[in-house]
Amino acid sequence: MCLLCDDEKAYQAYMNYLDKMERQGKAADPNVAVNEVLDELQAAANAAAKKDDPANDKTLSPFFCSPINK
């Protein structure tokens, strides 16, 4: 749990996951919960990285020089 306590977003996601499992009437296994939360945070980070990539920005001018992917 120390890994999650150091990161407020991870801790909040963990608590939300536990609340969701409790509302469904399921008992949450802490080890499974941590893995689910970390996978969810990693997916969100990957999506944010793709969103910020200039190659994916369709609002740029056609005269904008983007890096060439080799």
PDB file of N, CA and C in Angstrom:
ATOM      1  N   MET A   1       0.808  -1.193   0.000  1.00  0.00           N
ATOM      2  CA  MET A   1       0.000   0.000   0.000  1.00  0.00           C
ATOM      3  C   MET A   1       0.848   1.253   0.000  1.00  0.00           C
ATOM      4  N   CYS A   2       2.083   1.179   0.427  1.00  0.00           N
ATOM      5  CA  CYS A   2       2.954   2.358   0.478  1.00  0.00           C
ATOM      6  C   CYS A   2       3.140   2.975  -0.900  1.00  0.00           C
ATOM      7  N   LEU A   3       3.182   2.154  -1.924  1.00  0.00           N
ATOM      8  CA  LEU A   3       3.328   2.656  -3.286  1.00  0.00           C
ATOM      9  C   LEU A   3       2.168   3.580  -3.638  1.00  0.00           C
ATOM     10  N   LEU A   4       0.968   3.215  -3.246  1.00  0.00           N
ATOM     11  CA  LEU A   4      -0.205   4.022  -3.551  1.00  0.00           C
ATOM     12  C   LEU A   4      -0.303   5.254  -2.658  1.00  0.00           C
ATOM     13  N   CYS A   5       0.149   5.158  -1.424  1.00  0.00           N
ATOM     14  CA  CYS A   5       0.041   6.290  -0.501  1.00  0.00           C
ATOM     15  C   CYS A   5       0.918   7.456  -0.943  1.00  0.00           C
ATOM     16  N   ASP A   6       2.008   7.183  -1.631  1.00  0.00           N
ATOM     17  CA  ASP A   6       2.893   8.243  -2.094  1.00  0.00           C
ATOM     18  C   ASP A   6       2.296   9.028  -3.252  1.00  0.00           C
ATOM     19  N   ASP A   7       1.370   8.431  -3.981  1.00  0.00           N
ATOM     20  CA  ASP A   7       0.772   9.070  -5.153  1.00  0.00           C
ATOM     21  C   ASP A   7      -0.715   9.278  -4.889  1.00  0.00           C
ATOM     22  N   GLU A   8      -1.124  10.542  -4.795  1.00  0.00           N
ATOM     23  CA  GLU A   8      -2.510  10.842  -4.437  1.00  0.00           C
ATOM     24  C   GLU A   8      -3.503  10.333  -5.477  1.00  0.00           C
ATOM     25  N   LYS A   9      -3.145  10.435  -6.776  1.00  0.00           N
ATOM     26  CA  LYS A   9      -4.047   9.942  -7.826  1.00  0.00           C
ATOM     27  C   LYS A   9      -4.219   8.434  -7.720  1.00  0.00           C
ATOM     28  N   ALA A  10      -3.136   7.728  -7.463  1.00  0.00           N
ATOM     29  CA  ALA A  10      -3.207   6.273  -7.342  1.00  0.00           C
ATOM     30  C   ALA A  10      -4.028   5.879  -6.121  1.00  0.00           C
ATOM     31  N   TYR A  11      -3.834   6.589  -5.026  1.00  0.00           N
ATOM     32  CA  TYR A  11      -4.598   6.289  -3.812  1.00  0.00           C
ATOM     33  C   TYR A  11      -6.086   6.542  -4.029  1.00  0.00           C
ATOM     34  N   GLN A  12      -6.409   7.653  -4.692  1.00  0.00           N
ATOM     35  CA  GLN A  12      -7.815   7.976  -4.968  1.00  0.00           C
ATOM     36  C   GLN A  12      -8.438   6.923  -5.890  1.00  0.00           C
ATOM     37  N   ALA A  13      -7.689   6.488  -6.907  1.00  0.00           N
ATOM     38  CA  ALA A  13      -8.180   5.451  -7.814  1.00  0.00           C
ATOM     39  C   ALA A  13      -8.401   4.138  -7.063  1.00  0.00           C
ATOM     40  N   TYR A  14      -7.515   3.820  -6.134  1.00  0.00           N
ATOM     41  CA  TYR A  14      -7.638   2.603  -5.328  1.00  0.00           C
ATOM     42  C   TYR A  14      -8.906   2.656  -4.470  1.00  0.00           C
ATOM     43  N   MET A  15      -9.125   3.789  -3.831  1.00  0.00           N
ATOM     44  CA  MET A  15     -10.309   3.921  -2.983  1.00  0.00           C
ATOM     45  C   MET A  15     -11.587   3.878  -3.824  1.00  0.00           C
ATOM     46  N   ASN A  16     -11.567   4.481  -5.007  1.00  0.00           N
ATOM     47  CA  ASN A  16     -12.729   4.423  -5.901  1.00  0.00           C
ATOM     48  C   ASN A  16     -13.011   2.983  -6.333  1.00  0.00           C
ATOM     49  N   TYR A  17     -11.940   2.231  -6.605  1.00  0.00           N
ATOM     50  CA  TYR A  17     -12.095   0.828  -6.992  1.00  0.00           C
ATOM     51  C   TYR A  17     -12.724   0.031  -5.841  1.00  0.00           C
ATOM     52  N   LEU A  18     -12.242   0.257  -4.625  1.00  0.00           N
ATOM     53  CA  LEU A  18     -12.810  -0.458  -3.480  1.00  0.00           C
ATOM     54  C   LEU A  18     -14.277  -0.101  -3.275  1.00  0.00           C
ATOM     55  N   ASP A  19     -14.611   1.183  -3.449  1.00  0.00           N
ATOM     56  CA  ASP A  19     -16.010   1.605  -3.326  1.00  0.00           C
ATOM     57  C   ASP A  19     -16.884   0.952  -4.387  1.00  0.00           C
ATOM     58  N   LYS A  20     -16.364   0.887  -5.618  1.00  0.00           N
ATOM     59  CA  LYS A  20     -17.121   0.272  -6.709  1.00  0.00           C
ATOM     60  C   LYS A  20     -17.369  -1.207  -6.431  1.00  0.00           C
ATOM     61  N   MET A  21     -16.359  -1.898  -5.935  1.00  0.00           N
ATOM     62  CA  MET A  21     -16.520  -3.320  -5.629  1.00  0.00           C
ATOM     63  C   MET A  21     -17.514  -3.508  -4.481  1.00  0.00           C
ATOM     64  N   GLU A  22     -17.478  -2.621  -3.503  1.00  0.00           N
ATOM     65  CA  GLU A  22     -18.402  -2.725  -2.372  1.00  0.00           C
ATOM     66  C   GLU A  22     -19.842  -2.492  -2.825  1.00  0.00           C
ATOM     67  N   ARG A  23     -20.052  -1.532  -3.751  1.00  0.00           N
ATOM     68  CA  ARG A  23     -21.403  -1.271  -4.255  1.00  0.00           C
ATOM     69  C   ARG A  23     -21.949  -2.465  -5.025  1.00  0.00           C
ATOM     70  N   GLN A  24     -21.051  -3.236  -5.655  1.00  0.00           N
ATOM     71  CA  GLN A  24     -21.476  -4.420  -6.392  1.00  0.00           C
ATOM     72  C   GLN A  24     -21.674  -5.612  -5.468  1.00  0.00           C
ATOM     73  N   GLY A  25     -21.329  -5.465  -4.199  1.00  0.00           N
ATOM     74  CA  GLY A  25     -21.501  -6.540  -3.235  1.00  0.00           C
ATOM     75  C   GLY A  25     -20.387  -7.562  -3.278  1.00  0.00           C
ATOM     76  N   LYS A  26     -19.266  -7.199  -3.870  1.00  0.00           N
ATOM     77  CA  LYS A  26     -18.134  -8.114  -3.966  1.00  0.00           C
ATOM     78  C   LYS A  26     -17.065  -7.726  -2.960  1.00  0.00           C
ATOM     79  N   ALA A  27     -16.340  -8.722  -2.494  1.00  0.00           N
ATOM     80  CA  ALA A  27     -15.192  -8.462  -1.616  1.00  0.00           C
ATOM     81  C   ALA A  27     -13.972  -8.252  -2.502  1.00  0.00           C
ATOM     82  N   ALA A  28     -13.288  -7.148  -2.310  1.00  0.00           N
ATOM     83  CA  ALA A  28     -12.134  -6.825  -3.139  1.00  0.00           C
ATOM     84  C   ALA A  28     -10.869  -7.413  -2.532  1.00  0.00           C
ATOM     85  N   ASP A  29     -10.152  -8.192  -3.321  1.00  0.00           N
ATOM     86  CA  ASP A  29      -8.854  -8.718  -2.918  1.00  0.00           C
ATOM     87  C   ASP A  29      -7.832  -7.590  -3.073  1.00  0.00           C
ATOM     88  N   PRO A  30      -7.115  -7.206  -2.030  1.00  0.00           N
ATOM     89  CA  PRO A  30      -6.185  -6.080  -2.120  1.00  0.00           C
ATOM     90  C   PRO A  30      -5.129  -6.234  -3.215  1.00  0.00           C
ATOM     91  N   ASN A  31      -4.622  -7.431  -3.427  1.00  0.00           N
ATOM     92  CA  ASN A  31      -3.599  -7.626  -4.466  1.00  0.00           C
ATOM     93  C   ASN A  31      -4.172  -7.416  -5.860  1.00  0.00           C
ATOM     94  N   VAL A  32      -5.356  -7.920  -6.093  1.00  0.00           N
ATOM     95  CA  VAL A  32      -6.013  -7.740  -7.386  1.00  0.00           C
ATOM     96  C   VAL A  32      -6.366  -6.272  -7.578  1.00  0.00           C
ATOM     97  N   ALA A  33      -6.835  -5.631  -6.512  1.00  0.00           N
ATOM     98  CA  ALA A  33      -7.220  -4.223  -6.583  1.00  0.00           C
ATOM     99  C   ALA A  33      -6.040  -3.351  -6.962  1.00  0.00           C
ATOM    100  N   VAL A  34      -4.896  -3.587  -6.357  1.00  0.00           N
ATOM    101  CA  VAL A  34      -3.702  -2.792  -6.664  1.00  0.00           C
ATOM    102  C   VAL A  34      -3.315  -2.972  -8.128  1.00  0.00           C
ATOM    103  N   ASN A  35      -3.337  -4.194  -8.610  1.00  0.00           N
ATOM    104  CA  ASN A  35      -2.984  -4.442 -10.013  1.00  0.00           C
ATOM    105  C   ASN A  35      -3.973  -3.773 -10.959  1.00  0.00           C
ATOM    106  N   GLU A  36      -5.255  -3.852 -10.659  1.00  0.00           N
ATOM    107  CA  GLU A  36      -6.274  -3.209 -11.493  1.00  0.00           C
ATOM    108  C   GLU A  36      -6.073  -1.699 -11.537  1.00  0.00           C
ATOM    109  N   VAL A  37      -5.829  -1.103 -10.387  1.00  0.00           N
ATOM    110  CA  VAL A  37      -5.645   0.349 -10.309  1.00  0.00           C
ATOM    111  C   VAL A  37      -4.398   0.778 -11.066  1.00  0.00           C
ATOM    112  N   LEU A  38      -3.304   0.065 -10.879  1.00  0.00           N
ATOM    113  CA  LEU A  38      -2.071   0.433 -11.572  1.00  0.00           C
ATOM    114  C   LEU A  38      -2.205   0.260 -13.082  1.00  0.00           C
ATOM    115  N   ASP A  39      -2.909  -0.778 -13.532  1.00  0.00           N
ATOM    116  CA  ASP A  39      -3.157  -0.956 -14.962  1.00  0.00           C
ATOM    117  C   ASP A  39      -4.001   0.185 -15.514  1.00  0.00           C
ATOM    118  N   GLU A  40      -5.001   0.591 -14.754  1.00  0.00           N
ATOM    119  CA  GLU A  40      -5.875   1.688 -15.170  1.00  0.00           C
ATOM    120  C   GLU A  40      -5.089   2.999 -15.269  1.00  0.00           C
ATOM    121  N   LEU A  41      -4.233   3.258 -14.280  1.00  0.00           N
ATOM    122  CA  LEU A  41      -3.417   4.481 -14.308  1.00  0.00           C
ATOM    123  C   LEU A  41      -2.423   4.467 -15.461  1.00  0.00           C
ATOM    124  N   GLN A  42      -1.846   3.297 -15.751  1.00  0.00           N
ATOM    125  CA  GLN A  42      -0.909   3.181 -16.873  1.00  0.00           C
ATOM    126  C   GLN A  42      -1.617   3.427 -18.198  1.00  0.00           C
ATOM    127  N   ALA A  43      -2.824   2.896 -18.344  1.00  0.00           N
ATOM    128  CA  ALA A  43      -3.596   3.114 -19.567  1.00  0.00           C
ATOM    129  C   ALA A  43      -3.940   4.591 -19.735  1.00  0.00           C
ATOM    130  N   ALA A  44      -4.292   5.253 -18.641  1.00  0.00           N
ATOM    131  CA  ALA A  44      -4.593   6.686 -18.707  1.00  0.00           C
ATOM    132  C   ALA A  44      -3.350   7.488 -19.078  1.00  0.00           C
ATOM    133  N   ALA A  45      -2.199   7.099 -18.551  1.00  0.00           N
ATOM    134  CA  ALA A  45      -0.951   7.799 -18.877  1.00  0.00           C
ATOM    135  C   ALA A  45      -0.590   7.596 -20.347  1.00  0.00           C
ATOM    136  N   ASN A  46      -0.795   6.390 -20.858  1.00  0.00           N
ATOM    137  CA  ASN A  46      -0.511   6.124 -22.271  1.00  0.00           C
ATOM    138  C   ASN A  46      -1.441   6.918 -23.180  1.00  0.00           C
ATOM    139  N   ALA A  47      -2.706   7.018 -22.807  1.00  0.00           N
ATOM    140  CA  ALA A  47      -3.666   7.785 -23.602  1.00  0.00           C
ATOM    141  C   ALA A  47      -3.306   9.264 -23.595  1.00  0.00           C
ATOM    142  N   ALA A  48      -2.867   9.773 -22.455  1.00  0.00           N
ATOM    143  CA  ALA A  48      -2.481  11.181 -22.361  1.00  0.00           C
ATOM    144  C   ALA A  48      -1.234  11.447 -23.194  1.00  0.00           C
ATOM    145  N   ALA A  49      -0.307  10.501 -23.226  1.00  0.00           N
ATOM    146  CA  ALA A  49       0.912  10.676 -24.014  1.00  0.00           C
ATOM    147  C   ALA A  49       0.592  10.723 -25.505  1.00  0.00           C
ATOM    148  N   LYS A  50      -0.334   9.879 -25.953  1.00  0.00           N
ATOM    149  CA  LYS A  50      -0.733   9.891 -27.361  1.00  0.00           C
ATOM    150  C   LYS A  50      -1.462  11.177 -27.713  1.00  0.00           C
ATOM    151  N   LYS A  51      -2.266  11.663 -26.770  1.00  0.00           N
ATOM    152  CA  LYS A  51      -3.028  12.882 -27.003  1.00  0.00           C
ATOM    153  C   LYS A  51      -2.097  14.088 -27.162  1.00  0.00           C
ATOM    154  N   ASP A  52      -1.011  14.116 -26.410  1.00  0.00           N
ATOM    155  CA  ASP A  52      -0.075  15.243 -26.433  1.00  0.00           C
ATOM    156  C   ASP A  52       0.932  15.168 -27.574  1.00  0.00           C
ATOM    157  N   ASP A  53       0.936  14.082 -28.325  1.00  0.00           N
ATOM    158  CA  ASP A  53       1.890  13.923 -29.427  1.00  0.00           C
ATOM    159  C   ASP A  53       1.527  14.880 -30.562  1.00  0.00           C
ATOM    160  N   PRO A  54       2.459  15.744 -30.998  1.00  0.00           N
ATOM    161  CA  PRO A  54       2.152  16.693 -32.078  1.00  0.00           C
ATOM    162  C   PRO A  54       1.713  16.013 -33.370  1.00  0.00           C
ATOM    163  N   ALA A  55       2.138  14.800 -33.609  1.00  0.00           N
ATOM    164  CA  ALA A  55       1.745  14.097 -34.828  1.00  0.00           C
ATOM    165  C   ALA A  55       0.250  13.798 -34.840  1.00  0.00           C
ATOM    166  N   ASN A  56      -0.375  13.729 -33.671  1.00  0.00           N
ATOM    167  CA  ASN A  56      -1.808  13.439 -33.575  1.00  0.00           C
ATOM    168  C   ASN A  56      -2.669  14.697 -33.490  1.00  0.00           C
ATOM    169  N   ASP A  57      -2.048  15.857 -33.484  1.00  0.00           N
ATOM    170  CA  ASP A  57      -2.794  17.108 -33.358  1.00  0.00           C
ATOM    171  C   ASP A  57      -3.293  17.542 -34.729  1.00  0.00           C
ATOM    172  N   LYS A  58      -4.615  17.472 -34.924  1.00  0.00           N
ATOM    173  CA  LYS A  58      -5.219  17.810 -36.215  1.00  0.00           C
ATOM    174  C   LYS A  58      -5.545  19.293 -36.331  1.00  0.00           C
ATOM    175  N   THR A  59      -5.304  20.060 -35.272  1.00  0.00           N
ATOM    176  CA  THR A  59      -5.612  21.486 -35.308  1.00  0.00           C
ATOM    177  C   THR A  59      -4.442  22.324 -35.790  1.00  0.00           C
ATOM    178  N   LEU A  60      -3.307  21.692 -36.025  1.00  0.00           N
ATOM    179  CA  LEU A  60      -2.125  22.442 -36.436  1.00  0.00           C
ATOM    180  C   LEU A  60      -2.233  22.885 -37.881  1.00  0.00           C
ATOM    181  N   SER A  61      -1.551  23.927 -38.183  1.00  0.00           N
ATOM    182  CA  SER A  61      -1.504  24.460 -39.540  1.00  0.00           C
ATOM    183  C   SER A  61      -0.832  23.451 -40.463  1.00  0.00           C
ATOM    184  N   PRO A  62      -1.226  23.403 -41.741  1.00  0.00           N
ATOM    185  CA  PRO A  62      -0.553  22.487 -42.671  1.00  0.00           C
ATOM    186  C   PRO A  62       0.898  22.901 -42.894  1.00  0.00           C
ATOM    187  N   PHE A  63       1.241  24.091 -42.468  1.00  0.00           N
ATOM    188  CA  PHE A  63       2.609  24.578 -42.643  1.00  0.00           C
ATOM    189  C   PHE A  63       3.467  24.314 -41.417  1.00  0.00           C
ATOM    190  N   PHE A  64       2.899  23.607 -40.429  1.00  0.00           N
ATOM    191  CA  PHE A  64       3.634  23.273 -39.227  1.00  0.00           C
ATOM    192  C   PHE A  64       4.553  22.104 -39.513  1.00  0.00           C
ATOM    193  N   CYS A  65       5.806  22.230 -39.157  1.00  0.00           N
ATOM    194  CA  CYS A  65       6.788  21.164 -39.392  1.00  0.00           C
ATOM    195  C   CYS A  65       6.818  20.256 -38.165  1.00  0.00           C
ATOM    196  N   SER A  66       6.353  19.038 -38.336  1.00  0.00           N
ATOM    197  CA  SER A  66       6.403  18.084 -37.234  1.00  0.00           C
ATOM    198  C   SER A  66       7.591  17.164 -37.436  1.00  0.00           C
ATOM    199  N   PRO A  67       8.071  16.537 -36.353  1.00  0.00           N
ATOM    200  CA  PRO A  67       9.216  15.640 -36.467  1.00  0.00           C
ATOM    201  C   PRO A  67       8.903  14.466 -37.401  1.00  0.00           C
ATOM    202  N   ILE A  68       9.899  14.050 -38.126  1.00  0.00           N
ATOM    203  CA  ILE A  68       9.755  12.935 -39.046  1.00  0.00           C
ATOM    204  C   ILE A  68      10.021  11.643 -38.285  1.00  0.00           C
ATOM    205  N   ASN A  69       9.079  10.720 -38.402  1.00  0.00           N
ATOM    206  CA  ASN A  69       9.242   9.404 -37.784  1.00  0.00           C
ATOM    207  C   ASN A  69       9.928   8.483 -38.774  1.00  0.00           C
ATOM    208  N   LYS A  70      11.082   7.979 -38.387  1.00  0.00           N
ATOM    209  CA  LYS A  70      11.823   7.088 -39.274  1.00  0.00           C
ATOM    210  C   LYS A  70      11.580   5.650 -38.927  1.00  0.00           C
TER     211      LYS A  70
END
